[in-house]
Amino acid sequence: MVATGRAAHAPSQASNKGLERLDPPRPSVEDVIQKNMKPLRLLSVRLPINVALLLLPAIALYSSAQDTPAPAPKTQAPDARSRLTIEVTGGDNNVPIENASVYLKYIEERKLLKDKKLELNVKTNREGIAHVSGAKPGRALIQIVADGWKTYGRWFDITDPKQNIRVHLERPPKWY
């Protein structure tokens, strides 16, 4: 009985013949993908060459157009009308302060890029007046530093290009 049981479970020659009837081997998924990618590789190599050949006449026209001298750019002188005036006086007698450093700082806001910080430095003349040409309207920090006087700093709203700003400085406290 034991021998017959083994014989029943052992593969017979008829089942070996059945193995020959299996479907023929097919390529794997990776093989199919690689075969389909070959035309894409050729396209990726040939495409930049074709684009370069198409753009070559346009580049030649552009370079020949640049060989002709361009008209001289117009330099824009700062308009005398857009000049901010800062008058600096000090003390009880409102004496004009000469040679005081005036710092004008403002931020140019941008939508896409980081805000741009701009600074202008000017000095006062003998009458204590500093002229800032080309000052843009908006909020600006004005700082004034002068020898023998308290440092001054305050935010101002510049609305008019011909605006006059008056600043009064005080003496520092005495140290004993």
C-alpha atoms as a PDB file:
ATOM      1  CA  MET A   1       0.000   0.000   0.000  1.00  0.00           C
ATOM      2  CA  VAL A   2       2.743   2.308   0.787  1.00  0.00           C
ATOM      3  CA  ALA A   3       4.373   1.715  -2.546  1.00  0.00           C
ATOM      4  CA  THR A   4       1.161   2.335  -4.367  1.00  0.00           C
ATOM      5  CA  GLY A   5       0.619   5.601  -2.492  1.00  0.00           C
ATOM      6  CA  ARG A   6       4.002   6.844  -3.552  1.00  0.00           C
ATOM      7  CA  ALA A   7       3.382   5.904  -7.081  1.00  0.00           C
ATOM      8  CA  ALA A   8       0.119   7.773  -7.076  1.00  0.00           C
ATOM      9  CA  HIS A   9       1.763  10.973  -5.906  1.00  0.00           C
ATOM     10  CA  ALA A  10       4.855  10.720  -8.095  1.00  0.00           C
ATOM     11  CA  PRO A  11       4.778  12.681 -11.345  1.00  0.00           C
ATOM     12  CA  SER A  12       4.145  10.529 -14.317  1.00  0.00           C
ATOM     13  CA  GLN A  13       5.463  10.862 -17.809  1.00  0.00           C
ATOM     14  CA  ALA A  14       2.112  12.140 -18.942  1.00  0.00           C
ATOM     15  CA  SER A  15       2.434  15.134 -16.670  1.00  0.00           C
ATOM     16  CA  ASN A  16       5.941  15.845 -18.032  1.00  0.00           C
ATOM     17  CA  LYS A  17       4.455  16.032 -21.475  1.00  0.00           C
ATOM     18  CA  GLY A  18       2.021  18.576 -20.126  1.00  0.00           C
ATOM     19  CA  LEU A  19       4.936  20.865 -19.216  1.00  0.00           C
ATOM     20  CA  GLU A  20       5.831  21.115 -22.874  1.00  0.00           C
ATOM     21  CA  ARG A  21       2.419  22.536 -23.607  1.00  0.00           C
ATOM     22  CA  LEU A  22       2.923  25.627 -21.403  1.00  0.00           C
ATOM     23  CA  ASP A  23       2.772  29.067 -22.995  1.00  0.00           C
ATOM     24  CA  PRO A  24       6.030  30.277 -24.563  1.00  0.00           C
ATOM     25  CA  PRO A  25       8.119  32.597 -22.338  1.00  0.00           C
ATOM     26  CA  ARG A  26       7.213  36.264 -22.543  1.00  0.00           C
ATOM     27  CA  PRO A  27       9.501  39.243 -21.906  1.00  0.00           C
ATOM     28  CA  SER A  28       9.344  40.901 -18.507  1.00  0.00           C
ATOM     29  CA  VAL A  29       7.850  44.324 -17.948  1.00  0.00           C
ATOM     30  CA  GLU A  30      11.308  45.914 -17.631  1.00  0.00           C
ATOM     31  CA  ASP A  31      12.328  44.556 -21.053  1.00  0.00           C
ATOM     32  CA  VAL A  32       9.248  46.101 -22.681  1.00  0.00           C
ATOM     33  CA  ILE A  33       9.821  49.471 -21.004  1.00  0.00           C
ATOM     34  CA  GLN A  34      13.474  49.561 -22.098  1.00  0.00           C
ATOM     35  CA  LYS A  35      12.543  48.755 -25.700  1.00  0.00           C
ATOM     36  CA  ASN A  36       9.960  51.562 -25.689  1.00  0.00           C
ATOM     37  CA  MET A  37      12.448  54.043 -24.206  1.00  0.00           C
ATOM     38  CA  LYS A  38      14.966  53.749 -27.044  1.00  0.00           C
ATOM     39  CA  PRO A  39      13.021  56.124 -29.344  1.00  0.00           C
ATOM     40  CA  LEU A  40      12.714  58.595 -26.446  1.00  0.00           C
ATOM     41  CA  ARG A  41      16.474  58.518 -25.932  1.00  0.00           C
ATOM     42  CA  LEU A  42      17.043  59.243 -29.591  1.00  0.00           C
ATOM     43  CA  LEU A  43      14.529  62.085 -29.416  1.00  0.00           C
ATOM     44  CA  SER A  44      16.229  63.555 -26.344  1.00  0.00           C
ATOM     45  CA  VAL A  45      19.575  63.534 -28.151  1.00  0.00           C
ATOM     46  CA  ARG A  46      18.296  64.887 -31.451  1.00  0.00           C
ATOM     47  CA  LEU A  47      15.882  67.502 -30.084  1.00  0.00           C
ATOM     48  CA  PRO A  48      18.497  69.976 -28.744  1.00  0.00           C
ATOM     49  CA  ILE A  49      20.413  69.708 -32.008  1.00  0.00           C
ATOM     50  CA  ASN A  50      17.279  70.432 -34.046  1.00  0.00           C
ATOM     51  CA  VAL A  51      16.342  73.384 -31.816  1.00  0.00           C
ATOM     52  CA  ALA A  52      19.855  74.803 -32.149  1.00  0.00           C
ATOM     53  CA  LEU A  53      19.696  74.501 -35.924  1.00  0.00           C
ATOM     54  CA  LEU A  54      16.326  76.257 -35.984  1.00  0.00           C
ATOM     55  CA  LEU A  55      17.541  79.094 -33.760  1.00  0.00           C
ATOM     56  CA  LEU A  56      20.833  79.634 -35.592  1.00  0.00           C
ATOM     57  CA  PRO A  57      19.415  82.135 -38.143  1.00  0.00           C
ATOM     58  CA  ALA A  58      17.658  84.068 -35.375  1.00  0.00           C
ATOM     59  CA  ILE A  59      20.889  84.278 -33.368  1.00  0.00           C
ATOM     60  CA  ALA A  60      22.762  85.500 -36.455  1.00  0.00           C
ATOM     61  CA  LEU A  61      20.156  88.238 -37.031  1.00  0.00           C
ATOM     62  CA  TYR A  62      20.290  89.282 -33.374  1.00  0.00           C
ATOM     63  CA  SER A  63      24.079  89.535 -33.349  1.00  0.00           C
ATOM     64  CA  SER A  64      24.101  91.571 -36.566  1.00  0.00           C
ATOM     65  CA  ALA A  65      21.480  93.907 -35.089  1.00  0.00           C
ATOM     66  CA  GLN A  66      23.717  94.452 -32.068  1.00  0.00           C
ATOM     67  CA  ASP A  67      26.672  95.410 -34.251  1.00  0.00           C
ATOM     68  CA  THR A  68      24.909  98.631 -35.221  1.00  0.00           C
ATOM     69  CA  PRO A  69      25.527 101.345 -32.635  1.00  0.00           C
ATOM     70  CA  ALA A  70      22.555 101.895 -30.388  1.00  0.00           C
ATOM     71  CA  PRO A  71      21.435 105.443 -29.652  1.00  0.00           C
ATOM     72  CA  ALA A  72      23.039 106.881 -26.554  1.00  0.00           C
ATOM     73  CA  PRO A  73      20.867 106.327 -23.475  1.00  0.00           C
ATOM     74  CA  LYS A  74      19.386 109.459 -22.046  1.00  0.00           C
ATOM     75  CA  THR A  75      20.746 110.131 -18.594  1.00  0.00           C
ATOM     76  CA  GLN A  76      18.085 111.433 -16.333  1.00  0.00           C
ATOM     77  CA  ALA A  77      19.341 114.213 -14.161  1.00  0.00           C
ATOM     78  CA  PRO A  78      17.604 114.407 -10.815  1.00  0.00           C
ATOM     79  CA  ASP A  79      14.703 116.770 -11.188  1.00  0.00           C
ATOM     80  CA  ALA A  80      15.124 119.951  -9.170  1.00  0.00           C
ATOM     81  CA  ARG A  81      11.431 119.751  -8.340  1.00  0.00           C
ATOM     82  CA  SER A  82      11.776 116.352  -6.635  1.00  0.00           C
ATOM     83  CA  ARG A  83      14.220 117.500  -3.989  1.00  0.00           C
ATOM     84  CA  LEU A  84      13.543 116.837  -0.319  1.00  0.00           C
ATOM     85  CA  THR A  85      14.851 119.587   1.976  1.00  0.00           C
ATOM     86  CA  ILE A  86      15.815 118.909   5.593  1.00  0.00           C
ATOM     87  CA  GLU A  87      16.532 121.897   7.841  1.00  0.00           C
ATOM     88  CA  VAL A  88      18.531 121.150  10.991  1.00  0.00           C
ATOM     89  CA  THR A  89      18.601 123.651  13.860  1.00  0.00           C
ATOM     90  CA  GLY A  90      19.559 123.297  17.477  1.00  0.00           C
ATOM     91  CA  GLY A  91      19.676 124.907  20.880  1.00  0.00           C
ATOM     92  CA  ASP A  92      17.482 127.583  22.427  1.00  0.00           C
ATOM     93  CA  ASN A  93      18.338 130.122  19.694  1.00  0.00           C
ATOM     94  CA  ASN A  94      17.516 127.778  16.766  1.00  0.00           C
ATOM     95  CA  VAL A  95      21.074 127.988  15.460  1.00  0.00           C
ATOM     96  CA  PRO A  96      21.612 126.190  12.102  1.00  0.00           C
ATOM     97  CA  ILE A  97      23.863 123.160  12.571  1.00  0.00           C
ATOM     98  CA  GLU A  98      26.609 122.902  10.003  1.00  0.00           C
ATOM     99  CA  ASN A  99      28.195 119.643   8.790  1.00  0.00           C
ATOM    100  CA  ALA A 100      25.608 117.354  10.427  1.00  0.00           C
ATOM    101  CA  SER A 101      25.251 113.895   8.867  1.00  0.00           C
ATOM    102  CA  VAL A 102      21.732 113.223   7.609  1.00  0.00           C
ATOM    103  CA  TYR A 103      20.829 109.590   6.912  1.00  0.00           C
ATOM    104  CA  LEU A 104      17.674 108.851   4.946  1.00  0.00           C
ATOM    105  CA  LYS A 105      16.652 105.180   5.018  1.00  0.00           C
ATOM    106  CA  TYR A 106      13.613 103.637   3.405  1.00  0.00           C
ATOM    107  CA  ILE A 107      12.441 100.263   2.206  1.00  0.00           C
ATOM    108  CA  GLU A 108      11.334  99.647  -1.366  1.00  0.00           C
ATOM    109  CA  GLU A 109       8.680  96.952  -1.093  1.00  0.00           C
ATOM    110  CA  ARG A 110       8.608  94.202  -3.711  1.00  0.00           C
ATOM    111  CA  LYS A 111       5.970  91.564  -4.347  1.00  0.00           C
ATOM    112  CA  LEU A 112       8.125  88.671  -5.508  1.00  0.00           C
ATOM    113  CA  LEU A 113      11.590  89.435  -4.181  1.00  0.00           C
ATOM    114  CA  LYS A 114      12.921  90.392  -0.797  1.00  0.00           C
ATOM    115  CA  ASP A 115      12.314  94.054   0.098  1.00  0.00           C
ATOM    116  CA  LYS A 116      15.143  96.342  -0.967  1.00  0.00           C
ATOM    117  CA  LYS A 117      16.666  98.638   1.670  1.00  0.00           C
ATOM    118  CA  LEU A 118      17.922 101.983   0.390  1.00  0.00           C
ATOM    119  CA  GLU A 119      20.103 104.495   2.227  1.00  0.00           C
ATOM    120  CA  LEU A 120      21.148 108.025   1.358  1.00  0.00           C
ATOM    121  CA  ASN A 121      23.770 110.006   3.278  1.00  0.00           C
ATOM    122  CA  VAL A 122      24.113 113.776   2.974  1.00  0.00           C
ATOM    123  CA  LYS A 123      25.648 116.592   5.009  1.00  0.00           C
ATOM    124  CA  THR A 124      24.151 119.928   5.974  1.00  0.00           C
ATOM    125  CA  ASN A 125      25.576 123.180   4.610  1.00  0.00           C
ATOM    126  CA  ARG A 126      26.385 126.360   6.568  1.00  0.00           C
ATOM    127  CA  GLU A 127      22.696 127.242   6.787  1.00  0.00           C
ATOM    128  CA  GLY A 128      21.934 123.812   8.289  1.00  0.00           C
ATOM    129  CA  ILE A 129      20.084 122.620   5.180  1.00  0.00           C
ATOM    130  CA  ALA A 130      20.506 119.234   3.504  1.00  0.00           C
ATOM    131  CA  HIS A 131      19.030 118.573   0.071  1.00  0.00           C
ATOM    132  CA  VAL A 132      18.151 115.017  -0.927  1.00  0.00           C
ATOM    133  CA  SER A 133      17.515 114.691  -4.644  1.00  0.00           C
ATOM    134  CA  GLY A 134      15.505 111.789  -5.975  1.00  0.00           C
ATOM    135  CA  ALA A 135      13.862 110.850  -2.673  1.00  0.00           C
ATOM    136  CA  LYS A 136      10.938 108.532  -3.304  1.00  0.00           C
ATOM    137  CA  PRO A 137       7.570 109.066  -1.648  1.00  0.00           C
ATOM    138  CA  GLY A 138       6.693 106.746   1.198  1.00  0.00           C
ATOM    139  CA  ARG A 139       7.744 106.061   4.769  1.00  0.00           C
ATOM    140  CA  ALA A 140      11.370 106.976   5.538  1.00  0.00           C
ATOM    141  CA  LEU A 141      13.621 106.989   8.591  1.00  0.00           C
ATOM    142  CA  ILE A 142      15.582 110.218   8.981  1.00  0.00           C
ATOM    143  CA  GLN A 143      18.542 110.124  11.356  1.00  0.00           C
ATOM    144  CA  ILE A 144      20.760 113.082  12.148  1.00  0.00           C
ATOM    145  CA  VAL A 145      24.159 112.860  13.822  1.00  0.00           C
ATOM    146  CA  ALA A 146      26.143 115.995  14.706  1.00  0.00           C
ATOM    147  CA  ASP A 147      29.104 116.607  17.016  1.00  0.00           C
ATOM    148  CA  GLY A 148      28.016 118.112  20.353  1.00  0.00           C
ATOM    149  CA  TRP A 149      24.300 117.390  19.797  1.00  0.00           C
ATOM    150  CA  LYS A 150      21.924 114.568  20.694  1.00  0.00           C
ATOM    151  CA  THR A 151      21.400 112.052  17.917  1.00  0.00           C
ATOM    152  CA  TYR A 152      17.975 112.357  16.308  1.00  0.00           C
ATOM    153  CA  GLY A 153      15.940 109.711  14.517  1.00  0.00           C
ATOM    154  CA  ARG A 154      12.292 109.509  13.485  1.00  0.00           C
ATOM    155  CA  TRP A 155      10.066 107.977  10.799  1.00  0.00           C
ATOM    156  CA  PHE A 156       8.487 110.461   8.372  1.00  0.00           C
ATOM    157  CA  ASP A 157       5.879 110.024   5.668  1.00  0.00           C
ATOM    158  CA  ILE A 158       7.160 111.660   2.504  1.00  0.00           C
ATOM    159  CA  THR A 159       4.160 112.626   0.416  1.00  0.00           C
ATOM    160  CA  ASP A 160       5.324 115.646  -1.574  1.00  0.00           C
ATOM    161  CA  PRO A 161       8.547 115.569  -3.647  1.00  0.00           C
ATOM    162  CA  LYS A 162       9.258 119.185  -2.577  1.00  0.00           C
ATOM    163  CA  GLN A 163       8.596 118.516   1.093  1.00  0.00           C
ATOM    164  CA  ASN A 164      10.417 120.536   3.762  1.00  0.00           C
ATOM    165  CA  ILE A 165      11.291 118.773   7.024  1.00  0.00           C
ATOM    166  CA  ARG A 166      12.457 120.775  10.028  1.00  0.00           C
ATOM    167  CA  VAL A 167      14.430 119.057  12.766  1.00  0.00           C
ATOM    168  CA  HIS A 168      15.436 120.620  16.081  1.00  0.00           C
ATOM    169  CA  LEU A 169      18.356 119.073  17.977  1.00  0.00           C
ATOM    170  CA  GLU A 170      19.085 119.461  21.664  1.00  0.00           C
ATOM    171  CA  ARG A 171      22.295 119.478  23.637  1.00  0.00           C
ATOM    172  CA  PRO A 172      23.127 116.289  25.508  1.00  0.00           C
ATOM    173  CA  PRO A 173      22.867 116.325  29.312  1.00  0.00           C
ATOM    174  CA  LYS A 174      26.008 117.376  31.188  1.00  0.00           C
ATOM    175  CA  TRP A 175      27.987 114.664  32.933  1.00  0.00           C
ATOM    176  CA  TYR A 176      29.625 115.715  36.185  1.00  0.00           C
END
